[in-house]
PDB file of N, CA and C in Angstrom:
ATOM      1  N   MET A   1       0.827  -1.197   0.000  1.00  0.00           N
ATOM      2  CA  MET A   1       0.000   0.000   0.000  1.00  0.00           C
ATOM      3  C   MET A   1       0.870   1.258   0.000  1.00  0.00           C
ATOM      4  N   SER A   2       1.923   1.255   0.819  1.00  0.00           N
ATOM      5  CA  SER A   2       2.774   2.447   0.893  1.00  0.00           C
ATOM      6  C   SER A   2       3.540   2.672  -0.407  1.00  0.00           C
ATOM      7  N   ILE A   3       3.701   1.634  -1.200  1.00  0.00           N
ATOM      8  CA  ILE A   3       4.380   1.788  -2.489  1.00  0.00           C
ATOM      9  C   ILE A   3       3.422   2.326  -3.542  1.00  0.00           C
ATOM     10  N   ILE A   4       2.168   1.911  -3.495  1.00  0.00           N
ATOM     11  CA  ILE A   4       1.196   2.270  -4.527  1.00  0.00           C
ATOM     12  C   ILE A   4       0.698   3.709  -4.374  1.00  0.00           C
ATOM     13  N   LEU A   5       0.449   4.153  -3.158  1.00  0.00           N
ATOM     14  CA  LEU A   5      -0.080   5.504  -2.969  1.00  0.00           C
ATOM     15  C   LEU A   5       0.846   6.594  -3.498  1.00  0.00           C
ATOM     16  N   PRO A   6       2.155   6.552  -3.245  1.00  0.00           N
ATOM     17  CA  PRO A   6       3.017   7.574  -3.855  1.00  0.00           C
ATOM     18  C   PRO A   6       2.978   7.524  -5.379  1.00  0.00           C
ATOM     19  N   PHE A   7       2.906   6.316  -5.963  1.00  0.00           N
ATOM     20  CA  PHE A   7       2.794   6.200  -7.416  1.00  0.00           C
ATOM     21  C   PHE A   7       1.519   6.859  -7.900  1.00  0.00           C
ATOM     22  N   TRP A   8       0.427   6.593  -7.225  1.00  0.00           N
ATOM     23  CA  TRP A   8      -0.859   7.150  -7.635  1.00  0.00           C
ATOM     24  C   TRP A   8      -0.835   8.665  -7.547  1.00  0.00           C
ATOM     25  N   ARG A   9      -0.281   9.185  -6.457  1.00  0.00           N
ATOM     26  CA  ARG A   9      -0.216  10.644  -6.288  1.00  0.00           C
ATOM     27  C   ARG A   9       0.647  11.275  -7.376  1.00  0.00           C
ATOM     28  N   SER A  10       1.773  10.645  -7.681  1.00  0.00           N
ATOM     29  CA  SER A  10       2.624  11.228  -8.713  1.00  0.00           C
ATOM     30  C   SER A  10       1.980  11.102 -10.084  1.00  0.00           C
ATOM     31  N   LYS A  11       1.147  10.090 -10.274  1.00  0.00           N
ATOM     32  CA  LYS A  11       0.447   9.911 -11.548  1.00  0.00           C
ATOM     33  C   LYS A  11      -0.523  11.061 -11.798  1.00  0.00           C
ATOM     34  N   TRP A  12      -1.254  11.480 -10.781  1.00  0.00           N
ATOM     35  CA  TRP A  12      -2.243  12.547 -10.922  1.00  0.00           C
ATOM     36  C   TRP A  12      -1.665  13.919 -10.593  1.00  0.00           C
ATOM     37  N   GLY A  13      -0.466  13.962 -10.031  1.00  0.00           N
ATOM     38  CA  GLY A  13       0.138  15.220  -9.593  1.00  0.00           C
ATOM     39  C   GLY A  13       0.163  16.317 -10.638  1.00  0.00           C
ATOM     40  N   PRO A  14       0.731  16.062 -11.832  1.00  0.00           N
ATOM     41  CA  PRO A  14       0.758  17.119 -12.857  1.00  0.00           C
ATOM     42  C   PRO A  14      -0.640  17.562 -13.283  1.00  0.00           C
ATOM     43  N   LEU A  15      -1.555  16.618 -13.349  1.00  0.00           N
ATOM     44  CA  LEU A  15      -2.919  16.961 -13.737  1.00  0.00           C
ATOM     45  C   LEU A  15      -3.588  17.811 -12.657  1.00  0.00           C
ATOM     46  N   LEU A  16      -3.350  17.485 -11.407  1.00  0.00           N
ATOM     47  CA  LEU A  16      -3.931  18.272 -10.312  1.00  0.00           C
ATOM     48  C   LEU A  16      -3.339  19.676 -10.270  1.00  0.00           C
ATOM     49  N   LYS A  17      -2.039  19.788 -10.568  1.00  0.00           N
ATOM     50  CA  LYS A  17      -1.407  21.111 -10.612  1.00  0.00           C
ATOM     51  C   LYS A  17      -2.008  21.945 -11.737  1.00  0.00           C
ATOM     52  N   LEU A  18      -2.183  21.324 -12.910  1.00  0.00           N
ATOM     53  CA  LEU A  18      -2.799  22.010 -14.040  1.00  0.00           C
ATOM     54  C   LEU A  18      -4.222  22.423 -13.700  1.00  0.00           C
ATOM     55  N   LYS A  19      -4.962  21.550 -13.033  1.00  0.00           N
ATOM     56  CA  LYS A  19      -6.338  21.849 -12.632  1.00  0.00           C
ATOM     57  C   LYS A  19      -6.378  23.063 -11.713  1.00  0.00           C
ATOM     58  N   ASP A  20      -5.452  23.148 -10.778  1.00  0.00           N
ATOM     59  CA  ASP A  20      -5.401  24.303  -9.871  1.00  0.00           C
ATOM     60  C   ASP A  20      -5.107  25.594 -10.631  1.00  0.00           C
ATOM     61  N   GLU A  21      -4.195  25.521 -11.595  1.00  0.00           N
ATOM     62  CA  GLU A  21      -3.863  26.706 -12.387  1.00  0.00           C
ATOM     63  C   GLU A  21      -5.045  27.144 -13.246  1.00  0.00           C
ATOM     64  N   VAL A  22      -5.725  26.177 -13.852  1.00  0.00           N
ATOM     65  CA  VAL A  22      -6.895  26.487 -14.669  1.00  0.00           C
ATOM     66  C   VAL A  22      -7.998  27.080 -13.801  1.00  0.00           C
ATOM     67  N   GLU A  23      -8.180  26.536 -12.614  1.00  0.00           N
ATOM     68  CA  GLU A  23      -9.199  27.052 -11.697  1.00  0.00           C
ATOM     69  C   GLU A  23      -8.922  28.508 -11.318  1.00  0.00           C
ATOM     70  N   THR A  24      -7.667  28.842 -11.088  1.00  0.00           N
ATOM     71  CA  THR A  24      -7.283  30.216 -10.764  1.00  0.00           C
ATOM     72  C   THR A  24      -7.587  31.143 -11.942  1.00  0.00           C
ATOM     73  N   ILE A  25      -7.258  30.698 -13.145  1.00  0.00           N
ATOM     74  CA  ILE A  25      -7.518  31.504 -14.343  1.00  0.00           C
ATOM     75  C   ILE A  25      -9.020  31.695 -14.544  1.00  0.00           C
ATOM     76  N   ILE A  26      -9.779  30.638 -14.329  1.00  0.00           N
ATOM     77  CA  ILE A  26     -11.237  30.720 -14.489  1.00  0.00           C
ATOM     78  C   ILE A  26     -11.822  31.700 -13.481  1.00  0.00           C
ATOM     79  N   ASP A  27     -11.354  31.650 -12.243  1.00  0.00           N
ATOM     80  CA  ASP A  27     -11.854  32.578 -11.226  1.00  0.00           C
ATOM     81  C   ASP A  27     -11.575  34.029 -11.618  1.00  0.00           C
ATOM     82  N   LYS A  28     -10.364  34.284 -12.103  1.00  0.00           N
ATOM     83  CA  LYS A  28     -10.012  35.651 -12.533  1.00  0.00           C
ATOM     84  C   LYS A  28     -10.861  36.081 -13.726  1.00  0.00           C
ATOM     85  N   ALA A  29     -11.042  35.181 -14.684  1.00  0.00           N
ATOM     86  CA  ALA A  29     -11.850  35.506 -15.863  1.00  0.00           C
ATOM     87  C   ALA A  29     -13.296  35.791 -15.464  1.00  0.00           C
ATOM     88  N   GLU A  30     -13.794  35.045 -14.500  1.00  0.00           N
ATOM     89  CA  GLU A  30     -15.160  35.268 -14.035  1.00  0.00           C
ATOM     90  C   GLU A  30     -15.291  36.641 -13.365  1.00  0.00           C
ATOM     91  N   GLU A  31     -14.291  37.016 -12.583  1.00  0.00           N
ATOM     92  CA  GLU A  31     -14.301  38.337 -11.960  1.00  0.00           C
ATOM     93  C   GLU A  31     -14.298  39.437 -13.023  1.00  0.00           C
ATOM     94  N   VAL A  32     -13.457  39.269 -14.040  1.00  0.00           N
ATOM     95  CA  VAL A  32     -13.360  40.269 -15.110  1.00  0.00           C
ATOM     96  C   VAL A  32     -14.685  40.376 -15.861  1.00  0.00           C
ATOM     97  N   THR A  33     -15.296  39.244 -16.206  1.00  0.00           N
ATOM     98  CA  THR A  33     -16.559  39.304 -16.952  1.00  0.00           C
ATOM     99  C   THR A  33     -17.652  39.952 -16.119  1.00  0.00           C
ATOM    100  N   ASP A  34     -17.656  39.705 -14.820  1.00  0.00           N
ATOM    101  CA  ASP A  34     -18.650  40.351 -13.954  1.00  0.00           C
ATOM    102  C   ASP A  34     -18.462  41.870 -13.949  1.00  0.00           C
ATOM    103  N   ILE A  35     -17.218  42.308 -13.843  1.00  0.00           N
ATOM    104  CA  ILE A  35     -16.927  43.745 -13.830  1.00  0.00           C
ATOM    105  C   ILE A  35     -17.275  44.372 -15.174  1.00  0.00           C
ATOM    106  N   VAL A  36     -16.886  43.725 -16.266  1.00  0.00           N
ATOM    107  CA  VAL A  36     -17.179  44.257 -17.605  1.00  0.00           C
ATOM    108  C   VAL A  36     -18.683  44.368 -17.811  1.00  0.00           C
ATOM    109  N   GLU A  37     -19.406  43.334 -17.403  1.00  0.00           N
ATOM    110  CA  GLU A  37     -20.866  43.347 -17.557  1.00  0.00           C
ATOM    111  C   GLU A  37     -21.491  44.487 -16.751  1.00  0.00           C
ATOM    112  N   LYS A  38     -21.003  44.692 -15.534  1.00  0.00           N
ATOM    113  CA  LYS A  38     -21.537  45.754 -14.677  1.00  0.00           C
ATOM    114  C   LYS A  38     -21.242  47.140 -15.268  1.00  0.00           C
ATOM    115  N   VAL A  39     -19.992  47.355 -15.679  1.00  0.00           N
ATOM    116  CA  VAL A  39     -19.608  48.656 -16.232  1.00  0.00           C
ATOM    117  C   VAL A  39     -20.359  48.926 -17.537  1.00  0.00           C
ATOM    118  N   ALA A  40     -20.458  47.921 -18.400  1.00  0.00           N
ATOM    119  CA  ALA A  40     -21.168  48.105 -19.671  1.00  0.00           C
ATOM    120  C   ALA A  40     -22.634  48.432 -19.425  1.00  0.00           C
ATOM    121  N   GLY A  41     -23.227  47.800 -18.446  1.00  0.00           N
ATOM    122  CA  GLY A  41     -24.619  48.105 -18.102  1.00  0.00           C
ATOM    123  C   GLY A  41     -24.779  49.541 -17.632  1.00  0.00           C
ATOM    124  N   GLN A  42     -23.830  50.000 -16.827  1.00  0.00           N
ATOM    125  CA  GLN A  42     -23.894  51.376 -16.340  1.00  0.00           C
ATOM    126  C   GLN A  42     -23.658  52.378 -17.473  1.00  0.00           C
ATOM    127  N   VAL A  43     -22.729  52.083 -18.367  1.00  0.00           N
ATOM    128  CA  VAL A  43     -22.478  52.968 -19.514  1.00  0.00           C
ATOM    129  C   VAL A  43     -23.724  53.043 -20.385  1.00  0.00           C
ATOM    130  N   GLU A  44     -24.338  51.900 -20.615  1.00  0.00           N
ATOM    131  CA  GLU A  44     -25.555  51.875 -21.426  1.00  0.00           C
ATOM    132  C   GLU A  44     -26.659  52.714 -20.787  1.00  0.00           C
ATOM    133  N   GLU A  45     -26.798  52.585 -19.485  1.00  0.00           N
ATOM    134  CA  GLU A  45     -27.836  53.341 -18.762  1.00  0.00           C
ATOM    135  C   GLU A  45     -27.574  54.848 -18.834  1.00  0.00           C
ATOM    136  N   VAL A  46     -26.340  55.254 -18.604  1.00  0.00           N
ATOM    137  CA  VAL A  46     -25.992  56.674 -18.641  1.00  0.00           C
ATOM    138  C   VAL A  46     -26.171  57.225 -20.055  1.00  0.00           C
ATOM    139  N   ALA A  47     -25.719  56.486 -21.057  1.00  0.00           N
ATOM    140  CA  ALA A  47     -25.861  56.935 -22.441  1.00  0.00           C
ATOM    141  C   ALA A  47     -27.330  57.069 -22.814  1.00  0.00           C
ATOM    142  N   ASP A  48     -28.141  56.158 -22.341  1.00  0.00           N
ATOM    143  CA  ASP A  48     -29.576  56.220 -22.623  1.00  0.00           C
ATOM    144  C   ASP A  48     -30.202  57.445 -21.956  1.00  0.00           C
ATOM    145  N   ASP A  49     -29.848  57.681 -20.687  1.00  0.00           N
ATOM    146  CA  ASP A  49     -30.392  58.840 -19.968  1.00  0.00           C
ATOM    147  C   ASP A  49     -29.993  60.157 -20.642  1.00  0.00           C
ATOM    148  N   ILE A  50     -28.735  60.263 -21.007  1.00  0.00           N
ATOM    149  CA  ILE A  50     -28.269  61.491 -21.655  1.00  0.00           C
ATOM    150  C   ILE A  50     -28.911  61.635 -23.028  1.00  0.00           C
ATOM    151  N   GLY A  51     -28.979  60.527 -23.761  1.00  0.00           N
ATOM    152  CA  GLY A  51     -29.554  60.556 -25.104  1.00  0.00           C
ATOM    153  C   GLY A  51     -31.009  60.978 -25.116  1.00  0.00           C
ATOM    154  N   ASN A  52     -31.736  60.653 -24.056  1.00  0.00           N
ATOM    155  CA  ASN A  52     -33.147  61.048 -23.969  1.00  0.00           C
ATOM    156  C   ASN A  52     -33.316  62.556 -23.826  1.00  0.00           C
ATOM    157  N   HIS A  53     -32.275  63.255 -23.395  1.00  0.00           N
ATOM    158  CA  HIS A  53     -32.362  64.697 -23.172  1.00  0.00           C
ATOM    159  C   HIS A  53     -31.723  65.514 -24.300  1.00  0.00           C
ATOM    160  N   LEU A  54     -31.193  64.833 -25.306  1.00  0.00           N
ATOM    161  CA  LEU A  54     -30.531  65.547 -26.399  1.00  0.00           C
ATOM    162  C   LEU A  54     -31.462  65.669 -27.602  1.00  0.00           C
ATOM    163  N   PRO A  55     -31.319  66.780 -28.319  1.00  0.00           N
ATOM    164  CA  PRO A  55     -32.088  66.900 -29.567  1.00  0.00           C
ATOM    165  C   PRO A  55     -31.469  65.992 -30.634  1.00  0.00           C
ATOM    166  N   GLU A  56     -32.234  65.690 -31.661  1.00  0.00           N
ATOM    167  CA  GLU A  56     -31.726  64.868 -32.755  1.00  0.00           C
ATOM    168  C   GLU A  56     -30.502  65.535 -33.365  1.00  0.00           C
ATOM    169  N   GLY A  57     -29.528  64.735 -33.719  1.00  0.00           N
ATOM    170  CA  GLY A  57     -28.322  65.286 -34.327  1.00  0.00           C
ATOM    171  C   GLY A  57     -27.149  64.344 -34.172  1.00  0.00           C
ATOM    172  N   ARG A  58     -25.978  64.868 -34.497  1.00  0.00           N
ATOM    173  CA  ARG A  58     -24.767  64.048 -34.472  1.00  0.00           C
ATOM    174  C   ARG A  58     -24.425  63.543 -33.069  1.00  0.00           C
ATOM    175  N   LEU A  59     -24.549  64.399 -32.088  1.00  0.00           N
ATOM    176  CA  LEU A  59     -24.204  64.006 -30.725  1.00  0.00           C
ATOM    177  C   LEU A  59     -25.115  62.886 -30.233  1.00  0.00           C
ATOM    178  N   LYS A  60     -26.401  63.020 -30.515  1.00  0.00           N
ATOM    179  CA  LYS A  60     -27.343  61.976 -30.095  1.00  0.00           C
ATOM    180  C   LYS A  60     -27.045  60.671 -30.838  1.00  0.00           C
ATOM    181  N   ASN A  61     -26.692  60.768 -32.107  1.00  0.00           N
ATOM    182  CA  ASN A  61     -26.345  59.573 -32.884  1.00  0.00           C
ATOM    183  C   ASN A  61     -25.083  58.906 -32.333  1.00  0.00           C
ATOM    184  N   ALA A  62     -24.101  59.727 -31.968  1.00  0.00           N
ATOM    185  CA  ALA A  62     -22.868  59.193 -31.386  1.00  0.00           C
ATOM    186  C   ALA A  62     -23.152  58.499 -30.057  1.00  0.00           C
ATOM    187  N   LEU A  63     -24.031  59.092 -29.286  1.00  0.00           N
ATOM    188  CA  LEU A  63     -24.401  58.507 -27.997  1.00  0.00           C
ATOM    189  C   LEU A  63     -25.149  57.188 -28.202  1.00  0.00           C
ATOM    190  N   GLN A  64     -25.941  57.112 -29.257  1.00  0.00           N
ATOM    191  CA  GLN A  64     -26.647  55.868 -29.572  1.00  0.00           C
ATOM    192  C   GLN A  64     -25.647  54.760 -29.919  1.00  0.00           C
ATOM    193  N   ILE A  65     -24.589  55.129 -30.620  1.00  0.00           N
ATOM    194  CA  ILE A  65     -23.533  54.162 -30.955  1.00  0.00           C
ATOM    195  C   ILE A  65     -22.851  53.665 -29.684  1.00  0.00           C
ATOM    196  N   VAL A  66     -22.565  54.578 -28.766  1.00  0.00           N
ATOM    197  CA  VAL A  66     -21.955  54.204 -27.492  1.00  0.00           C
ATOM    198  C   VAL A  66     -22.879  53.273 -26.728  1.00  0.00           C
ATOM    199  N   GLU A  67     -24.169  53.589 -26.705  1.00  0.00           N
ATOM    200  CA  GLU A  67     -25.145  52.746 -26.009  1.00  0.00           C
ATOM    201  C   GLU A  67     -25.196  51.352 -26.630  1.00  0.00           C
ATOM    202  N   ASP A  68     -25.196  51.280 -27.957  1.00  0.00           N
ATOM    203  CA  ASP A  68     -25.217  49.987 -28.643  1.00  0.00           C
ATOM    204  C   ASP A  68     -23.955  49.177 -28.349  1.00  0.00           C
ATOM    205  N   MET A  69     -22.807  49.861 -28.350  1.00  0.00           N
ATOM    206  CA  MET A  69     -21.551  49.173 -28.041  1.00  0.00           C
ATOM    207  C   MET A  69     -21.553  48.651 -26.611  1.00  0.00           C
ATOM    208  N   ALA A  70     -22.080  49.425 -25.689  1.00  0.00           N
ATOM    209  CA  ALA A  70     -22.160  48.986 -24.293  1.00  0.00           C
ATOM    210  C   ALA A  70     -23.080  47.768 -24.170  1.00  0.00           C
ATOM    211  N   GLN A  71     -24.191  47.799 -24.908  1.00  0.00           N
ATOM    212  CA  GLN A  71     -25.117  46.658 -24.889  1.00  0.00           C
ATOM    213  C   GLN A  71     -24.431  45.407 -25.436  1.00  0.00           C
ATOM    214  N   ASN A  72     -23.726  45.546 -26.544  1.00  0.00           N
ATOM    215  CA  ASN A  72     -23.014  44.409 -27.130  1.00  0.00           C
ATOM    216  C   ASN A  72     -21.922  43.881 -26.200  1.00  0.00           C
ATOM    217  N   THR A  73     -21.236  44.794 -25.533  1.00  0.00           N
ATOM    218  CA  THR A  73     -20.195  44.401 -24.585  1.00  0.00           C
ATOM    219  C   THR A  73     -20.800  43.637 -23.414  1.00  0.00           C
ATOM    220  N   ALA A  74     -21.915  44.133 -22.887  1.00  0.00           N
ATOM    221  CA  ALA A  74     -22.588  43.448 -21.779  1.00  0.00           C
ATOM    222  C   ALA A  74     -23.059  42.063 -22.219  1.00  0.00           C
ATOM    223  N   ASP A  75     -23.588  41.967 -23.435  1.00  0.00           N
ATOM    224  CA  ASP A  75     -24.024  40.665 -23.952  1.00  0.00           C
ATOM    225  C   ASP A  75     -22.842  39.707 -24.078  1.00  0.00           C
ATOM    226  N   GLY A  76     -21.725  40.204 -24.573  1.00  0.00           N
ATOM    227  CA  GLY A  76     -20.518  39.386 -24.688  1.00  0.00           C
ATOM    228  C   GLY A  76     -20.019  38.922 -23.325  1.00  0.00           C
ATOM    229  N   ALA A  77     -20.075  39.803 -22.349  1.00  0.00           N
ATOM    230  CA  ALA A  77     -19.648  39.433 -20.994  1.00  0.00           C
ATOM    231  C   ALA A  77     -20.573  38.359 -20.413  1.00  0.00           C
ATOM    232  N   ARG A  78     -21.874  38.487 -20.680  1.00  0.00           N
ATOM    233  CA  ARG A  78     -22.815  37.461 -20.215  1.00  0.00           C
ATOM    234  C   ARG A  78     -22.518  36.108 -20.853  1.00  0.00           C
ATOM    235  N   LEU A  79     -22.248  36.122 -22.158  1.00  0.00           N
ATOM    236  CA  LEU A  79     -21.921  34.874 -22.853  1.00  0.00           C
ATOM    237  C   LEU A  79     -20.627  34.264 -22.314  1.00  0.00           C
ATOM    238  N   ALA A  80     -19.632  35.114 -22.060  1.00  0.00           N
ATOM    239  CA  ALA A  80     -18.378  34.623 -21.482  1.00  0.00           C
ATOM    240  C   ALA A  80     -18.632  34.029 -20.100  1.00  0.00           C
ATOM    241  N   GLY A  81     -19.490  34.677 -19.317  1.00  0.00           N
ATOM    242  CA  GLY A  81     -19.841  34.145 -17.999  1.00  0.00           C
ATOM    243  C   GLY A  81     -20.541  32.804 -18.103  1.00  0.00           C
ATOM    244  N   ASP A  82     -21.428  32.665 -19.097  1.00  0.00           N
ATOM    245  CA  ASP A  82     -22.105  31.381 -19.309  1.00  0.00           C
ATOM    246  C   ASP A  82     -21.100  30.297 -19.695  1.00  0.00           C
ATOM    247  N   LEU A  83     -20.129  30.652 -20.538  1.00  0.00           N
ATOM    248  CA  LEU A  83     -19.097  29.696 -20.934  1.00  0.00           C
ATOM    249  C   LEU A  83     -18.270  29.274 -19.723  1.00  0.00           C
ATOM    250  N   ILE A  84     -17.923  30.227 -18.887  1.00  0.00           N
ATOM    251  CA  ILE A  84     -17.157  29.914 -17.682  1.00  0.00           C
ATOM    252  C   ILE A  84     -17.953  28.980 -16.780  1.00  0.00           C
ATOM    253  N   ASP A  85     -19.257  29.216 -16.656  1.00  0.00           N
ATOM    254  CA  ASP A  85     -20.098  28.335 -15.851  1.00  0.00           C
ATOM    255  C   ASP A  85     -20.086  26.913 -16.405  1.00  0.00           C
ATOM    256  N   LYS A  86     -20.143  26.781 -17.726  1.00  0.00           N
ATOM    257  CA  LYS A  86     -20.097  25.449 -18.357  1.00  0.00           C
ATOM    258  C   LYS A  86     -18.753  24.775 -18.098  1.00  0.00           C
ATOM    259  N   VAL A  87     -17.663  25.545 -18.190  1.00  0.00           N
ATOM    260  CA  VAL A  87     -16.331  24.999 -17.925  1.00  0.00           C
ATOM    261  C   VAL A  87     -16.253  24.510 -16.482  1.00  0.00           C
ATOM    262  N   GLU A  88     -16.793  25.275 -15.550  1.00  0.00           N
ATOM    263  CA  GLU A  88     -16.788  24.862 -14.147  1.00  0.00           C
ATOM    264  C   GLU A  88     -17.630  23.607 -13.948  1.00  0.00           C
ATOM    265  N   GLU A  89     -18.719  23.483 -14.685  1.00  0.00           N
ATOM    266  CA  GLU A  89     -19.561  22.286 -14.608  1.00  0.00           C
ATOM    267  C   GLU A  89     -18.781  21.050 -15.085  1.00  0.00           C
ATOM    268  N   VAL A  90     -18.070  21.202 -16.200  1.00  0.00           N
ATOM    269  CA  VAL A  90     -17.261  20.100 -16.716  1.00  0.00           C
ATOM    270  C   VAL A  90     -16.139  19.776 -15.731  1.00  0.00           C
ATOM    271  N   GLU A  91     -15.555  20.813 -15.146  1.00  0.00           N
ATOM    272  CA  GLU A  91     -14.495  20.604 -14.162  1.00  0.00           C
ATOM    273  C   GLU A  91     -15.016  19.771 -12.988  1.00  0.00           C
ATOM    274  N   GLY A  92     -16.222  20.074 -12.539  1.00  0.00           N
ATOM    275  CA  GLY A  92     -16.818  19.301 -11.453  1.00  0.00           C
ATOM    276  C   GLY A  92     -17.020  17.845 -11.830  1.00  0.00           C
ATOM    277  N   LYS A  93     -17.445  17.609 -13.064  1.00  0.00           N
ATOM    278  CA  LYS A  93     -17.629  16.231 -13.527  1.00  0.00           C
ATOM    279  C   LYS A  93     -16.292  15.494 -13.598  1.00  0.00           C
ATOM    280  N   VAL A  94     -15.251  16.181 -14.068  1.00  0.00           N
ATOM    281  CA  VAL A  94     -13.930  15.567 -14.152  1.00  0.00           C
ATOM    282  C   VAL A  94     -13.411  15.250 -12.750  1.00  0.00           C
ATOM    283  N   GLU A  95     -13.590  16.174 -11.821  1.00  0.00           N
ATOM    284  CA  GLU A  95     -13.163  15.924 -10.438  1.00  0.00           C
ATOM    285  C   GLU A  95     -13.902  14.732  -9.852  1.00  0.00           C
ATOM    286  N   SER A  96     -15.183  14.641 -10.130  1.00  0.00           N
ATOM    287  CA  SER A  96     -15.976  13.505  -9.653  1.00  0.00           C
ATOM    288  C   SER A  96     -15.446  12.210 -10.248  1.00  0.00           C
ATOM    289  N   TRP A  97     -15.166  12.230 -11.543  1.00  0.00           N
ATOM    290  CA  TRP A  97     -14.636  11.050 -12.212  1.00  0.00           C
ATOM    291  C   TRP A  97     -13.281  10.656 -11.630  1.00  0.00           C
ATOM    292  N   MET A  98     -12.421  11.664 -11.409  1.00  0.00           N
ATOM    293  CA  MET A  98     -11.108  11.381 -10.835  1.00  0.00           C
ATOM    294  C   MET A  98     -11.249  10.797  -9.441  1.00  0.00           C
ATOM    295  N   GLY A  99     -12.206  11.321  -8.665  1.00  0.00           N
ATOM    296  CA  GLY A  99     -12.429  10.804  -7.319  1.00  0.00           C
ATOM    297  C   GLY A  99     -12.903   9.361  -7.347  1.00  0.00           C
ATOM    298  N   GLU A 100     -13.794   9.050  -8.268  1.00  0.00           N
ATOM    299  CA  GLU A 100     -14.284   7.677  -8.393  1.00  0.00           C
ATOM    300  C   GLU A 100     -13.150   6.738  -8.793  1.00  0.00           C
ATOM    301  N   ASN A 101     -12.311   7.177  -9.730  1.00  0.00           N
ATOM    302  CA  ASN A 101     -11.199   6.338 -10.166  1.00  0.00           C
ATOM    303  C   ASN A 101     -10.175   6.145  -9.062  1.00  0.00           C
ATOM    304  N   SER A 102      -9.936   7.178  -8.262  1.00  0.00           N
ATOM    305  CA  SER A 102      -8.961   7.043  -7.187  1.00  0.00           C
ATOM    306  C   SER A 102      -9.465   6.064  -6.134  1.00  0.00           C
ATOM    307  N   ILE A 103     -10.767   6.071  -5.873  1.00  0.00           N
ATOM    308  CA  ILE A 103     -11.343   5.124  -4.916  1.00  0.00           C
ATOM    309  C   ILE A 103     -11.215   3.710  -5.465  1.00  0.00           C
ATOM    310  N   ASP A 104     -11.505   3.532  -6.760  1.00  0.00           N
ATOM    311  CA  ASP A 104     -11.373   2.223  -7.395  1.00  0.00           C
ATOM    312  C   ASP A 104      -9.935   1.727  -7.345  1.00  0.00           C
ATOM    313  N   GLU A 105      -8.970   2.627  -7.622  1.00  0.00           N
ATOM    314  CA  GLU A 105      -7.562   2.242  -7.603  1.00  0.00           C
ATOM    315  C   GLU A 105      -7.095   1.886  -6.198  1.00  0.00           C
ATOM    316  N   GLU A 106      -7.554   2.648  -5.204  1.00  0.00           N
ATOM    317  CA  GLU A 106      -7.183   2.354  -3.819  1.00  0.00           C
ATOM    318  C   GLU A 106      -7.777   1.024  -3.390  1.00  0.00           C
ATOM    319  N   ALA A 107      -9.004   0.740  -3.788  1.00  0.00           N
ATOM    320  CA  ALA A 107      -9.631  -0.542  -3.440  1.00  0.00           C
ATOM    321  C   ALA A 107      -8.884  -1.682  -4.103  1.00  0.00           C
ATOM    322  N   ALA A 108      -8.482  -1.500  -5.357  1.00  0.00           N
ATOM    323  CA  ALA A 108      -7.731  -2.549  -6.051  1.00  0.00           C
ATOM    324  C   ALA A 108      -6.376  -2.754  -5.390  1.00  0.00           C
ATOM    325  N   ALA A 109      -5.755  -1.686  -4.945  1.00  0.00           N
ATOM    326  CA  ALA A 109      -4.477  -1.786  -4.273  1.00  0.00           C
ATOM    327  C   ALA A 109      -4.607  -2.542  -2.950  1.00  0.00           C
ATOM    328  N   LYS A 110      -5.682  -2.285  -2.229  1.00  0.00           N
ATOM    329  CA  LYS A 110      -5.907  -2.988  -0.958  1.00  0.00           C
ATOM    330  C   LYS A 110      -6.151  -4.470  -1.204  1.00  0.00           C
ATOM    331  N   ASP A 111      -6.875  -4.778  -2.275  1.00  0.00           N
ATOM    332  CA  ASP A 111      -7.156  -6.172  -2.597  1.00  0.00           C
ATOM    333  C   ASP A 111      -5.885  -6.928  -2.959  1.00  0.00           C
ATOM    334  N   GLN A 112      -4.948  -6.238  -3.620  1.00  0.00           N
ATOM    335  CA  GLN A 112      -3.691  -6.880  -4.015  1.00  0.00           C
ATOM    336  C   GLN A 112      -2.748  -7.035  -2.840  1.00  0.00           C
ATOM    337  N   ALA A 113      -2.905  -6.195  -1.820  1.00  0.00           N
ATOM    338  CA  ALA A 113      -1.991  -6.233  -0.668  1.00  0.00           C
ATOM    339  C   ALA A 113      -2.280  -7.336   0.280  1.00  0.00           C
TER     340      ALA A 113
END
């Protein structure tokens, strides 16, 4: 048993290290998408409020472009957040699978000992 467990740990070690690094990146990306979505929503709201008080013309048209860009940015941030959620879901399934396999391997090791 003492021989098999270090082998098993070293077998999954690089994968677990990669998983931790990916998890850190995903957390940071999720924070960024939340901030981008919030800021874009606020820009869209401010542009809409200002645009409602402007007469028709170039400035109002420019503000409409800014509002549209903010809306598109917020939509993109939402989609990125949804993708991150899916990645985290897959990560959970992989962790579950790895846990099941480690239990199976430990049981097989005990049976052989």
